[in-house]
Amino acid sequence: MFKLNSQKTINDLEKNFVKKDLPIISIGDTVKIGVKIIEGNKERIQFYEGTVIAKKNSSINTTITVRKILQGIGVERIFLVHSPKIDSINILRSSKVRRSKLYYLRNLKGKATRLKQVF
């Protein structure tokens, strides 16, 4: 009997869907992500710009959590990096951070949320 769930078979299937042209995203980066949105029969790209506060690496299931402030309210969104709905990822600026998860930014407001930029 054919064993479909062997790890080698799964890895071979996942290789076809992994994006090769992604930038190296790190925690603290300010990114601009182009997300494909379908409205009726039209497709457009909507950009989401914010700070990467978390990253989870697991091959094709790699996700990043992006936080932005919208009208004084913090909005977080989790993106599957290798998803076909993600059109582009641009890194606008990089910051120096000493944590792997920046969840403490949720409790800060205004100028306190600034991160030190790395050139």
PDB file of N, CA and C in Angstrom:
ATOM      1  N   MET A   1       0.840  -1.186   0.000  1.00  0.00           N
ATOM      2  CA  MET A   1       0.000   0.000   0.000  1.00  0.00           C
ATOM      3  C   MET A   1       0.884   1.248   0.000  1.00  0.00           C
ATOM      4  N   PHE A   2       0.479   2.259  -0.734  1.00  0.00           N
ATOM      5  CA  PHE A   2       1.235   3.511  -0.847  1.00  0.00           C
ATOM      6  C   PHE A   2       1.044   4.354   0.402  1.00  0.00           C
ATOM      7  N   LYS A   3       2.155   4.793   0.968  1.00  0.00           N
ATOM      8  CA  LYS A   3       2.103   5.582   2.197  1.00  0.00           C
ATOM      9  C   LYS A   3       2.279   7.054   1.831  1.00  0.00           C
ATOM     10  N   LEU A   4       1.181   7.820   1.799  1.00  0.00           N
ATOM     11  CA  LEU A   4       1.197   9.204   1.335  1.00  0.00           C
ATOM     12  C   LEU A   4       1.781  10.165   2.361  1.00  0.00           C
ATOM     13  N   ASN A   5       1.599   9.889   3.636  1.00  0.00           N
ATOM     14  CA  ASN A   5       1.997  10.858   4.652  1.00  0.00           C
ATOM     15  C   ASN A   5       3.447  10.730   5.102  1.00  0.00           C
ATOM     16  N   SER A   6       4.303  10.098   4.329  1.00  0.00           N
ATOM     17  CA  SER A   6       5.703  10.055   4.714  1.00  0.00           C
ATOM     18  C   SER A   6       6.296  11.462   4.609  1.00  0.00           C
ATOM     19  N   GLN A   7       7.200  11.784   5.465  1.00  0.00           N
ATOM     20  CA  GLN A   7       7.752  13.136   5.554  1.00  0.00           C
ATOM     21  C   GLN A   7       8.482  13.538   4.280  1.00  0.00           C
ATOM     22  N   LYS A   8       9.147  12.593   3.637  1.00  0.00           N
ATOM     23  CA  LYS A   8       9.863  12.918   2.405  1.00  0.00           C
ATOM     24  C   LYS A   8       8.903  13.357   1.302  1.00  0.00           C
ATOM     25  N   THR A   9       7.780  12.685   1.190  1.00  0.00           N
ATOM     26  CA  THR A   9       6.780  13.038   0.176  1.00  0.00           C
ATOM     27  C   THR A   9       6.209  14.421   0.444  1.00  0.00           C
ATOM     28  N   ILE A  10       5.937  14.697   1.684  1.00  0.00           N
ATOM     29  CA  ILE A  10       5.390  16.012   2.069  1.00  0.00           C
ATOM     30  C   ILE A  10       6.396  17.112   1.763  1.00  0.00           C
ATOM     31  N   ASN A  11       7.651  16.894   2.092  1.00  0.00           N
ATOM     32  CA  ASN A  11       8.693  17.901   1.819  1.00  0.00           C
ATOM     33  C   ASN A  11       8.853  18.143   0.323  1.00  0.00           C
ATOM     34  N   ASP A  12       8.761  17.087  -0.484  1.00  0.00           N
ATOM     35  CA  ASP A  12       8.881  17.244  -1.935  1.00  0.00           C
ATOM     36  C   ASP A  12       7.721  18.066  -2.497  1.00  0.00           C
ATOM     37  N   LEU A  13       6.524  17.849  -1.978  1.00  0.00           N
ATOM     38  CA  LEU A  13       5.365  18.628  -2.418  1.00  0.00           C
ATOM     39  C   LEU A  13       5.492  20.092  -2.014  1.00  0.00           C
ATOM     40  N   GLU A  14       5.979  20.354  -0.807  1.00  0.00           N
ATOM     41  CA  GLU A  14       6.099  21.726  -0.310  1.00  0.00           C
ATOM     42  C   GLU A  14       7.135  22.527  -1.089  1.00  0.00           C
ATOM     43  N   LYS A  15       8.165  21.882  -1.611  1.00  0.00           N
ATOM     44  CA  LYS A  15       9.213  22.585  -2.347  1.00  0.00           C
ATOM     45  C   LYS A  15       8.659  23.338  -3.555  1.00  0.00           C
ATOM     46  N   ASN A  16       7.585  22.829  -4.144  1.00  0.00           N
ATOM     47  CA  ASN A  16       6.997  23.470  -5.326  1.00  0.00           C
ATOM     48  C   ASN A  16       6.348  24.811  -4.997  1.00  0.00           C
ATOM     49  N   PHE A  17       5.939  25.009  -3.747  1.00  0.00           N
ATOM     50  CA  PHE A  17       5.172  26.191  -3.374  1.00  0.00           C
ATOM     51  C   PHE A  17       5.964  27.226  -2.580  1.00  0.00           C
ATOM     52  N   VAL A  18       7.206  26.925  -2.226  1.00  0.00           N
ATOM     53  CA  VAL A  18       8.030  27.861  -1.461  1.00  0.00           C
ATOM     54  C   VAL A  18       8.535  28.961  -2.392  1.00  0.00           C
ATOM     55  N   LYS A  19       8.354  30.228  -1.981  1.00  0.00           N
ATOM     56  CA  LYS A  19       8.828  31.360  -2.786  1.00  0.00           C
ATOM     57  C   LYS A  19      10.329  31.520  -2.612  1.00  0.00           C
ATOM     58  N   LYS A  20      11.019  31.770  -3.719  1.00  0.00           N
ATOM     59  CA  LYS A  20      12.481  31.876  -3.685  1.00  0.00           C
ATOM     60  C   LYS A  20      12.964  33.326  -3.595  1.00  0.00           C
ATOM     61  N   ASP A  21      12.132  34.281  -4.021  1.00  0.00           N
ATOM     62  CA  ASP A  21      12.578  35.664  -4.166  1.00  0.00           C
ATOM     63  C   ASP A  21      12.206  36.553  -2.977  1.00  0.00           C
ATOM     64  N   LEU A  22      12.104  35.976  -1.788  1.00  0.00           N
ATOM     65  CA  LEU A  22      11.727  36.757  -0.612  1.00  0.00           C
ATOM     66  C   LEU A  22      12.939  37.449  -0.002  1.00  0.00           C
ATOM     67  N   PRO A  23      12.754  38.669   0.519  1.00  0.00           N
ATOM     68  CA  PRO A  23      13.853  39.311   1.241  1.00  0.00           C
ATOM     69  C   PRO A  23      14.032  38.654   2.611  1.00  0.00           C
ATOM     70  N   ILE A  24      15.168  38.919   3.235  1.00  0.00           N
ATOM     71  CA  ILE A  24      15.417  38.390   4.572  1.00  0.00           C
ATOM     72  C   ILE A  24      14.726  39.311   5.568  1.00  0.00           C
ATOM     73  N   ILE A  25      13.647  38.819   6.163  1.00  0.00           N
ATOM     74  CA  ILE A  25      12.841  39.608   7.092  1.00  0.00           C
ATOM     75  C   ILE A  25      13.304  39.294   8.505  1.00  0.00           C
ATOM     76  N   SER A  26      13.547  40.349   9.287  1.00  0.00           N
ATOM     77  CA  SER A  26      13.925  40.143  10.675  1.00  0.00           C
ATOM     78  C   SER A  26      12.991  40.942  11.582  1.00  0.00           C
ATOM     79  N   ILE A  27      13.050  40.639  12.848  1.00  0.00           N
ATOM     80  CA  ILE A  27      12.187  41.291  13.827  1.00  0.00           C
ATOM     81  C   ILE A  27      12.579  42.763  13.927  1.00  0.00           C
ATOM     82  N   GLY A  28      11.586  43.637  13.984  1.00  0.00           N
ATOM     83  CA  GLY A  28      11.837  45.068  14.090  1.00  0.00           C
ATOM     84  C   GLY A  28      11.846  45.782  12.756  1.00  0.00           C
ATOM     85  N   ASP A  29      11.807  45.046  11.652  1.00  0.00           N
ATOM     86  CA  ASP A  29      11.767  45.677  10.331  1.00  0.00           C
ATOM     87  C   ASP A  29      10.404  46.330  10.100  1.00  0.00           C
ATOM     88  N   THR A  30      10.425  47.467   9.418  1.00  0.00           N
ATOM     89  CA  THR A  30       9.185  48.062   8.935  1.00  0.00           C
ATOM     90  C   THR A  30       9.011  47.583   7.506  1.00  0.00           C
ATOM     91  N   VAL A  31       7.903  46.883   7.261  1.00  0.00           N
ATOM     92  CA  VAL A  31       7.680  46.262   5.967  1.00  0.00           C
ATOM     93  C   VAL A  31       6.413  46.799   5.310  1.00  0.00           C
ATOM     94  N   LYS A  32       6.390  46.686   3.996  1.00  0.00           N
ATOM     95  CA  LYS A  32       5.199  47.041   3.214  1.00  0.00           C
ATOM     96  C   LYS A  32       4.835  45.792   2.423  1.00  0.00           C
ATOM     97  N   ILE A  33       3.677  45.210   2.751  1.00  0.00           N
ATOM     98  CA  ILE A  33       3.263  43.943   2.166  1.00  0.00           C
ATOM     99  C   ILE A  33       2.105  44.196   1.208  1.00  0.00           C
ATOM    100  N   GLY A  34       2.242  43.737  -0.014  1.00  0.00           N
ATOM    101  CA  GLY A  34       1.172  43.840  -1.000  1.00  0.00           C
ATOM    102  C   GLY A  34       0.324  42.586  -0.963  1.00  0.00           C
ATOM    103  N   VAL A  35      -0.958  42.741  -0.617  1.00  0.00           N
ATOM    104  CA  VAL A  35      -1.871  41.607  -0.489  1.00  0.00           C
ATOM    105  C   VAL A  35      -2.883  41.667  -1.626  1.00  0.00           C
ATOM    106  N   LYS A  36      -3.065  40.546  -2.325  1.00  0.00           N
ATOM    107  CA  LYS A  36      -4.047  40.485  -3.409  1.00  0.00           C
ATOM    108  C   LYS A  36      -5.440  40.366  -2.800  1.00  0.00           C
ATOM    109  N   ILE A  37      -6.343  41.248  -3.252  1.00  0.00           N
ATOM    110  CA  ILE A  37      -7.723  41.240  -2.779  1.00  0.00           C
ATOM    111  C   ILE A  37      -8.641  41.107  -3.986  1.00  0.00           C
ATOM    112  N   ILE A  38      -9.607  40.201  -3.883  1.00  0.00           N
ATOM    113  CA  ILE A  38     -10.559  39.989  -4.969  1.00  0.00           C
ATOM    114  C   ILE A  38     -11.889  40.616  -4.566  1.00  0.00           C
ATOM    115  N   GLU A  39     -12.349  41.564  -5.387  1.00  0.00           N
ATOM    116  CA  GLU A  39     -13.635  42.211  -5.161  1.00  0.00           C
ATOM    117  C   GLU A  39     -14.496  41.946  -6.385  1.00  0.00           C
ATOM    118  N   GLY A  40     -15.503  41.096  -6.228  1.00  0.00           N
ATOM    119  CA  GLY A  40     -16.319  40.706  -7.376  1.00  0.00           C
ATOM    120  C   GLY A  40     -15.475  39.908  -8.342  1.00  0.00           C
ATOM    121  N   ASN A  41     -15.317  40.425  -9.564  1.00  0.00           N
ATOM    122  CA  ASN A  41     -14.459  39.742 -10.536  1.00  0.00           C
ATOM    123  C   ASN A  41     -13.175  40.504 -10.800  1.00  0.00           C
ATOM    124  N   LYS A  42     -12.910  41.544  -9.993  1.00  0.00           N
ATOM    125  CA  LYS A  42     -11.681  42.312 -10.130  1.00  0.00           C
ATOM    126  C   LYS A  42     -10.690  41.929  -9.035  1.00  0.00           C
ATOM    127  N   GLU A  43      -9.423  42.010  -9.374  1.00  0.00           N
ATOM    128  CA  GLU A  43      -8.368  41.734  -8.401  1.00  0.00           C
ATOM    129  C   GLU A  43      -7.488  42.958  -8.286  1.00  0.00           C
ATOM    130  N   ARG A  44      -7.189  43.354  -7.063  1.00  0.00           N
ATOM    131  CA  ARG A  44      -6.316  44.502  -6.840  1.00  0.00           C
ATOM    132  C   ARG A  44      -5.341  44.173  -5.726  1.00  0.00           C
ATOM    133  N   ILE A  45      -4.343  45.039  -5.562  1.00  0.00           N
ATOM    134  CA  ILE A  45      -3.331  44.848  -4.524  1.00  0.00           C
ATOM    135  C   ILE A  45      -3.490  45.944  -3.486  1.00  0.00           C
ATOM    136  N   GLN A  46      -3.655  45.536  -2.231  1.00  0.00           N
ATOM    137  CA  GLN A  46      -3.758  46.481  -1.123  1.00  0.00           C
ATOM    138  C   GLN A  46      -2.501  46.333  -0.271  1.00  0.00           C
ATOM    139  N   PHE A  47      -1.895  47.466   0.071  1.00  0.00           N
ATOM    140  CA  PHE A  47      -0.655  47.435   0.838  1.00  0.00           C
ATOM    141  C   PHE A  47      -0.932  47.563   2.325  1.00  0.00           C
ATOM    142  N   TYR A  48      -0.169  46.822   3.112  1.00  0.00           N
ATOM    143  CA  TYR A  48      -0.270  46.835   4.564  1.00  0.00           C
ATOM    144  C   TYR A  48       1.133  47.139   5.073  1.00  0.00           C
ATOM    145  N   GLU A  49       1.286  48.246   5.780  1.00  0.00           N
ATOM    146  CA  GLU A  49       2.602  48.690   6.229  1.00  0.00           C
ATOM    147  C   GLU A  49       2.646  48.706   7.758  1.00  0.00           C
ATOM    148  N   GLY A  50       3.686  48.108   8.325  1.00  0.00           N
ATOM    149  CA  GLY A  50       3.810  48.073   9.771  1.00  0.00           C
ATOM    150  C   GLY A  50       5.128  47.451  10.193  1.00  0.00           C
ATOM    151  N   THR A  51       5.261  47.248  11.501  1.00  0.00           N
ATOM    152  CA  THR A  51       6.477  46.711  12.097  1.00  0.00           C
ATOM    153  C   THR A  51       6.320  45.215  12.362  1.00  0.00           C
ATOM    154  N   VAL A  52       7.326  44.446  12.017  1.00  0.00           N
ATOM    155  CA  VAL A  52       7.312  43.002  12.282  1.00  0.00           C
ATOM    156  C   VAL A  52       7.607  42.812  13.770  1.00  0.00           C
ATOM    157  N   ILE A  53       6.634  42.248  14.511  1.00  0.00           N
ATOM    158  CA  ILE A  53       6.839  42.049  15.947  1.00  0.00           C
ATOM    159  C   ILE A  53       7.080  40.584  16.294  1.00  0.00           C
ATOM    160  N   ALA A  54       6.809  39.672  15.360  1.00  0.00           N
ATOM    161  CA  ALA A  54       7.047  38.254  15.627  1.00  0.00           C
ATOM    162  C   ALA A  54       7.244  37.526  14.303  1.00  0.00           C
ATOM    163  N   LYS A  55       8.004  36.428  14.376  1.00  0.00           N
ATOM    164  CA  LYS A  55       8.247  35.604  13.200  1.00  0.00           C
ATOM    165  C   LYS A  55       8.302  34.154  13.649  1.00  0.00           C
ATOM    166  N   LYS A  56       7.651  33.290  12.891  1.00  0.00           N
ATOM    167  CA  LYS A  56       7.669  31.861  13.183  1.00  0.00           C
ATOM    168  C   LYS A  56       8.164  31.147  11.938  1.00  0.00           C
ATOM    169  N   ASN A  57       9.293  30.459  12.041  1.00  0.00           N
ATOM    170  CA  ASN A  57       9.889  29.765  10.900  1.00  0.00           C
ATOM    171  C   ASN A  57       9.522  28.291  10.942  1.00  0.00           C
ATOM    172  N   SER A  58       8.848  27.826   9.903  1.00  0.00           N
ATOM    173  CA  SER A  58       8.621  26.390   9.738  1.00  0.00           C
ATOM    174  C   SER A  58       8.356  26.115   8.265  1.00  0.00           C
ATOM    175  N   SER A  59       9.389  26.183   7.477  1.00  0.00           N
ATOM    176  CA  SER A  59       9.408  25.958   6.026  1.00  0.00           C
ATOM    177  C   SER A  59       8.265  26.679   5.316  1.00  0.00           C
ATOM    178  N   ILE A  60       7.290  25.972   4.801  1.00  0.00           N
ATOM    179  CA  ILE A  60       6.233  26.606   4.017  1.00  0.00           C
ATOM    180  C   ILE A  60       5.230  27.340   4.907  1.00  0.00           C
ATOM    181  N   ASN A  61       5.180  27.013   6.185  1.00  0.00           N
ATOM    182  CA  ASN A  61       4.234  27.647   7.105  1.00  0.00           C
ATOM    183  C   ASN A  61       4.843  28.832   7.847  1.00  0.00           C
ATOM    184  N   THR A  62       5.879  29.447   7.303  1.00  0.00           N
ATOM    185  CA  THR A  62       6.512  30.599   7.927  1.00  0.00           C
ATOM    186  C   THR A  62       5.531  31.764   7.985  1.00  0.00           C
ATOM    187  N   THR A  63       5.380  32.342   9.175  1.00  0.00           N
ATOM    188  CA  THR A  63       4.462  33.465   9.344  1.00  0.00           C
ATOM    189  C   THR A  63       5.192  34.639   9.979  1.00  0.00           C
ATOM    190  N   ILE A  64       4.700  35.849   9.685  1.00  0.00           N
ATOM    191  CA  ILE A  64       5.172  37.047  10.368  1.00  0.00           C
ATOM    192  C   ILE A  64       3.953  37.795  10.893  1.00  0.00           C
ATOM    193  N   THR A  65       4.108  38.397  12.058  1.00  0.00           N
ATOM    194  CA  THR A  65       3.054  39.218  12.647  1.00  0.00           C
ATOM    195  C   THR A  65       3.459  40.668  12.464  1.00  0.00           C
ATOM    196  N   VAL A  66       2.595  41.444  11.808  1.00  0.00           N
ATOM    197  CA  VAL A  66       2.883  42.841  11.497  1.00  0.00           C
ATOM    198  C   VAL A  66       1.903  43.713  12.269  1.00  0.00           C
ATOM    199  N   ARG A  67       2.439  44.731  12.949  1.00  0.00           N
ATOM    200  CA  ARG A  67       1.623  45.630  13.765  1.00  0.00           C
ATOM    201  C   ARG A  67       1.713  47.040  13.220  1.00  0.00           C
ATOM    202  N   LYS A  68       0.553  47.694  13.114  1.00  0.00           N
ATOM    203  CA  LYS A  68       0.527  49.098  12.728  1.00  0.00           C
ATOM    204  C   LYS A  68      -0.499  49.816  13.587  1.00  0.00           C
ATOM    205  N   ILE A  69      -0.368  51.127  13.676  1.00  0.00           N
ATOM    206  CA  ILE A  69      -1.305  51.946  14.418  1.00  0.00           C
ATOM    207  C   ILE A  69      -2.236  52.604  13.407  1.00  0.00           C
ATOM    208  N   LEU A  70      -3.533  52.389  13.568  1.00  0.00           N
ATOM    209  CA  LEU A  70      -4.528  52.925  12.651  1.00  0.00           C
ATOM    210  C   LEU A  70      -5.540  53.735  13.459  1.00  0.00           C
ATOM    211  N   GLN A  71      -5.523  55.061  13.283  1.00  0.00           N
ATOM    212  CA  GLN A  71      -6.411  55.984  13.989  1.00  0.00           C
ATOM    213  C   GLN A  71      -6.327  55.801  15.499  1.00  0.00           C
ATOM    214  N   GLY A  72      -5.091  55.633  15.992  1.00  0.00           N
ATOM    215  CA  GLY A  72      -4.865  55.522  17.428  1.00  0.00           C
ATOM    216  C   GLY A  72      -5.093  54.145  18.005  1.00  0.00           C
ATOM    217  N   ILE A  73      -5.431  53.171  17.176  1.00  0.00           N
ATOM    218  CA  ILE A  73      -5.686  51.814  17.644  1.00  0.00           C
ATOM    219  C   ILE A  73      -4.675  50.884  16.995  1.00  0.00           C
ATOM    220  N   GLY A  74      -4.065  50.017  17.789  1.00  0.00           N
ATOM    221  CA  GLY A  74      -3.099  49.057  17.261  1.00  0.00           C
ATOM    222  C   GLY A  74      -3.800  47.919  16.534  1.00  0.00           C
ATOM    223  N   VAL A  75      -3.336  47.620  15.322  1.00  0.00           N
ATOM    224  CA  VAL A  75      -3.897  46.534  14.516  1.00  0.00           C
ATOM    225  C   VAL A  75      -2.768  45.571  14.175  1.00  0.00           C
ATOM    226  N   GLU A  76      -2.966  44.301  14.467  1.00  0.00           N
ATOM    227  CA  GLU A  76      -1.970  43.284  14.155  1.00  0.00           C
ATOM    228  C   GLU A  76      -2.554  42.307  13.158  1.00  0.00           C
ATOM    229  N   ARG A  77      -1.714  41.860  12.247  1.00  0.00           N
ATOM    230  CA  ARG A  77      -2.156  40.905  11.247  1.00  0.00           C
ATOM    231  C   ARG A  77      -1.056  39.880  11.038  1.00  0.00           C
ATOM    232  N   ILE A  78      -1.431  38.627  10.924  1.00  0.00           N
ATOM    233  CA  ILE A  78      -0.481  37.542  10.712  1.00  0.00           C
ATOM    234  C   ILE A  78      -0.522  37.154   9.232  1.00  0.00           C
ATOM    235  N   PHE A  79       0.647  37.125   8.606  1.00  0.00           N
ATOM    236  CA  PHE A  79       0.752  36.800   7.187  1.00  0.00           C
ATOM    237  C   PHE A  79       1.508  35.492   7.003  1.00  0.00           C
ATOM    238  N   LEU A  80       0.976  34.612   6.154  1.00  0.00           N
ATOM    239  CA  LEU A  80       1.716  33.447   5.693  1.00  0.00           C
ATOM    240  C   LEU A  80       2.635  33.934   4.577  1.00  0.00           C
ATOM    241  N   VAL A  81       3.921  33.863   4.772  1.00  0.00           N
ATOM    242  CA  VAL A  81       4.882  34.476   3.859  1.00  0.00           C
ATOM    243  C   VAL A  81       4.840  33.835   2.472  1.00  0.00           C
ATOM    244  N   HIS A  82       4.636  32.527   2.400  1.00  0.00           N
ATOM    245  CA  HIS A  82       4.662  31.816   1.118  1.00  0.00           C
ATOM    246  C   HIS A  82       3.279  31.706   0.478  1.00  0.00           C
ATOM    247  N   SER A  83       2.287  32.414   0.996  1.00  0.00           N
ATOM    248  CA  SER A  83       0.934  32.352   0.469  1.00  0.00           C
ATOM    249  C   SER A  83       0.862  32.970  -0.929  1.00  0.00           C
ATOM    250  N   PRO A  84       0.026  32.413  -1.807  1.00  0.00           N
ATOM    251  CA  PRO A  84      -0.137  33.026  -3.130  1.00  0.00           C
ATOM    252  C   PRO A  84      -0.859  34.376  -3.065  1.00  0.00           C
ATOM    253  N   LYS A  85      -1.510  34.690  -1.968  1.00  0.00           N
ATOM    254  CA  LYS A  85      -2.179  35.986  -1.822  1.00  0.00           C
ATOM    255  C   LYS A  85      -1.196  37.115  -1.538  1.00  0.00           C
ATOM    256  N   ILE A  86       0.023  36.793  -1.127  1.00  0.00           N
ATOM    257  CA  ILE A  86       1.046  37.807  -0.887  1.00  0.00           C
ATOM    258  C   ILE A  86       1.738  38.105  -2.214  1.00  0.00           C
ATOM    259  N   ASP A  87       1.607  39.350  -2.672  1.00  0.00           N
ATOM    260  CA  ASP A  87       2.184  39.736  -3.960  1.00  0.00           C
ATOM    261  C   ASP A  87       3.630  40.177  -3.803  1.00  0.00           C
ATOM    262  N   SER A  88       3.892  41.029  -2.800  1.00  0.00           N
ATOM    263  CA  SER A  88       5.244  41.544  -2.629  1.00  0.00           C
ATOM    264  C   SER A  88       5.492  41.869  -1.164  1.00  0.00           C
ATOM    265  N   ILE A  89       6.757  41.809  -0.782  1.00  0.00           N
ATOM    266  CA  ILE A  89       7.187  42.223   0.548  1.00  0.00           C
ATOM    267  C   ILE A  89       8.397  43.131   0.368  1.00  0.00           C
ATOM    268  N   ASN A  90       8.278  44.383   0.819  1.00  0.00           N
ATOM    269  CA  ASN A  90       9.385  45.337   0.747  1.00  0.00           C
ATOM    270  C   ASN A  90       9.781  45.739   2.154  1.00  0.00           C
ATOM    271  N   ILE A  91      11.084  45.745   2.411  1.00  0.00           N
ATOM    272  CA  ILE A  91      11.581  46.198   3.712  1.00  0.00           C
ATOM    273  C   ILE A  91      11.911  47.676   3.575  1.00  0.00           C
ATOM    274  N   LEU A  92      11.204  48.508   4.351  1.00  0.00           N
ATOM    275  CA  LEU A  92      11.400  49.953   4.278  1.00  0.00           C
ATOM    276  C   LEU A  92      12.537  50.409   5.182  1.00  0.00           C
ATOM    277  N   ARG A  93      12.620  49.842   6.383  1.00  0.00           N
ATOM    278  CA  ARG A  93      13.721  50.162   7.294  1.00  0.00           C
ATOM    279  C   ARG A  93      13.934  49.027   8.271  1.00  0.00           C
ATOM    280  N   SER A  94      15.162  48.923   8.769  1.00  0.00           N
ATOM    281  CA  SER A  94      15.503  47.900   9.747  1.00  0.00           C
ATOM    282  C   SER A  94      15.809  48.566  11.074  1.00  0.00           C
ATOM    283  N   SER A  95      15.541  47.872  12.157  1.00  0.00           N
ATOM    284  CA  SER A  95      15.765  48.423  13.488  1.00  0.00           C
ATOM    285  C   SER A  95      16.580  47.458  14.326  1.00  0.00           C
ATOM    286  N   LYS A  96      17.273  48.025  15.293  1.00  0.00           N
ATOM    287  CA  LYS A  96      18.062  47.221  16.218  1.00  0.00           C
ATOM    288  C   LYS A  96      17.164  46.819  17.383  1.00  0.00           C
ATOM    289  N   VAL A  97      16.990  45.527  17.569  1.00  0.00           N
ATOM    290  CA  VAL A  97      16.179  45.021  18.674  1.00  0.00           C
ATOM    291  C   VAL A  97      16.958  43.953  19.417  1.00  0.00           C
ATOM    292  N   ARG A  98      16.579  43.755  20.670  1.00  0.00           N
ATOM    293  CA  ARG A  98      17.267  42.769  21.495  1.00  0.00           C
ATOM    294  C   ARG A  98      16.320  41.660  21.954  1.00  0.00           C
ATOM    295  N   ARG A  99      15.201  41.544  21.301  1.00  0.00           N
ATOM    296  CA  ARG A  99      14.213  40.523  21.632  1.00  0.00           C
ATOM    297  C   ARG A  99      13.803  39.801  20.349  1.00  0.00           C
ATOM    298  N   SER A 100      13.342  38.568  20.495  1.00  0.00           N
ATOM    299  CA  SER A 100      12.850  37.846  19.329  1.00  0.00           C
ATOM    300  C   SER A 100      11.368  38.083  19.106  1.00  0.00           C
ATOM    301  N   LYS A 101      10.650  38.514  20.130  1.00  0.00           N
ATOM    302  CA  LYS A 101       9.242  38.872  20.008  1.00  0.00           C
ATOM    303  C   LYS A 101       9.057  40.249  20.637  1.00  0.00           C
ATOM    304  N   LEU A 102       8.430  41.159  19.912  1.00  0.00           N
ATOM    305  CA  LEU A 102       8.268  42.540  20.393  1.00  0.00           C
ATOM    306  C   LEU A 102       6.854  42.782  20.912  1.00  0.00           C
ATOM    307  N   TYR A 103       6.331  41.840  21.684  1.00  0.00           N
ATOM    308  CA  TYR A 103       4.971  41.978  22.198  1.00  0.00           C
ATOM    309  C   TYR A 103       4.834  43.134  23.179  1.00  0.00           C
ATOM    310  N   TYR A 104       5.944  43.599  23.741  1.00  0.00           N
ATOM    311  CA  TYR A 104       5.876  44.712  24.689  1.00  0.00           C
ATOM    312  C   TYR A 104       5.422  46.001  24.016  1.00  0.00           C
ATOM    313  N   LEU A 105       5.514  46.082  22.679  1.00  0.00           N
ATOM    314  CA  LEU A 105       5.067  47.282  21.971  1.00  0.00           C
ATOM    315  C   LEU A 105       3.555  47.483  22.095  1.00  0.00           C
ATOM    316  N   ARG A 106       2.831  46.423  22.436  1.00  0.00           N
ATOM    317  CA  ARG A 106       1.376  46.530  22.593  1.00  0.00           C
ATOM    318  C   ARG A 106       1.003  47.461  23.737  1.00  0.00           C
ATOM    319  N   ASN A 107       1.863  47.552  24.737  1.00  0.00           N
ATOM    320  CA  ASN A 107       1.555  48.358  25.925  1.00  0.00           C
ATOM    321  C   ASN A 107       2.083  49.781  25.832  1.00  0.00           C
ATOM    322  N   LEU A 108       2.797  50.119  24.770  1.00  0.00           N
ATOM    323  CA  LEU A 108       3.394  51.443  24.641  1.00  0.00           C
ATOM    324  C   LEU A 108       2.589  52.312  23.681  1.00  0.00           C
ATOM    325  N   LYS A 109       2.724  53.636  23.842  1.00  0.00           N
ATOM    326  CA  LYS A 109       2.004  54.578  22.990  1.00  0.00           C
ATOM    327  C   LYS A 109       2.954  55.644  22.480  1.00  0.00           C
ATOM    328  N   GLY A 110       2.608  56.219  21.339  1.00  0.00           N
ATOM    329  CA  GLY A 110       3.304  57.390  20.813  1.00  0.00           C
ATOM    330  C   GLY A 110       4.771  57.171  20.540  1.00  0.00           C
ATOM    331  N   LYS A 111       5.572  58.130  21.035  1.00  0.00           N
ATOM    332  CA  LYS A 111       7.012  58.089  20.758  1.00  0.00           C
ATOM    333  C   LYS A 111       7.710  56.912  21.420  1.00  0.00           C
ATOM    334  N   ALA A 112       7.110  56.336  22.441  1.00  0.00           N
ATOM    335  CA  ALA A 112       7.726  55.204  23.132  1.00  0.00           C
ATOM    336  C   ALA A 112       7.808  53.967  22.246  1.00  0.00           C
ATOM    337  N   THR A 113       7.021  53.919  21.181  1.00  0.00           N
ATOM    338  CA  THR A 113       7.035  52.752  20.306  1.00  0.00           C
ATOM    339  C   THR A 113       8.121  52.804  19.251  1.00  0.00           C
ATOM    340  N   ARG A 114       8.883  53.894  19.193  1.00  0.00           N
ATOM    341  CA  ARG A 114       9.936  54.001  18.186  1.00  0.00           C
ATOM    342  C   ARG A 114      11.056  53.007  18.465  1.00  0.00           C
ATOM    343  N   LEU A 115      11.626  52.464  17.406  1.00  0.00           N
ATOM    344  CA  LEU A 115      12.757  51.560  17.512  1.00  0.00           C
ATOM    345  C   LEU A 115      13.967  52.234  16.864  1.00  0.00           C
ATOM    346  N   LYS A 116      15.161  51.931  17.396  1.00  0.00           N
ATOM    347  CA  LYS A 116      16.376  52.545  16.887  1.00  0.00           C
ATOM    348  C   LYS A 116      16.721  51.971  15.523  1.00  0.00           C
ATOM    349  N   GLN A 117      16.867  52.843  14.532  1.00  0.00           N
ATOM    350  CA  GLN A 117      17.100  52.424  13.151  1.00  0.00           C
ATOM    351  C   GLN A 117      18.542  51.989  12.930  1.00  0.00           C
ATOM    352  N   VAL A 118      18.712  50.943  12.106  1.00  0.00           N
ATOM    353  CA  VAL A 118      20.032  50.454  11.698  1.00  0.00           C
ATOM    354  C   VAL A 118      20.189  50.775  10.220  1.00  0.00           C
ATOM    355  N   PHE A 119      21.336  51.341   9.844  1.00  0.00           N
ATOM    356  CA  PHE A 119      21.561  51.709   8.447  1.00  0.00           C
ATOM    357  C   PHE A 119      22.411  50.675   7.744  1.00  0.00           C
TER     358      PHE A 119
END
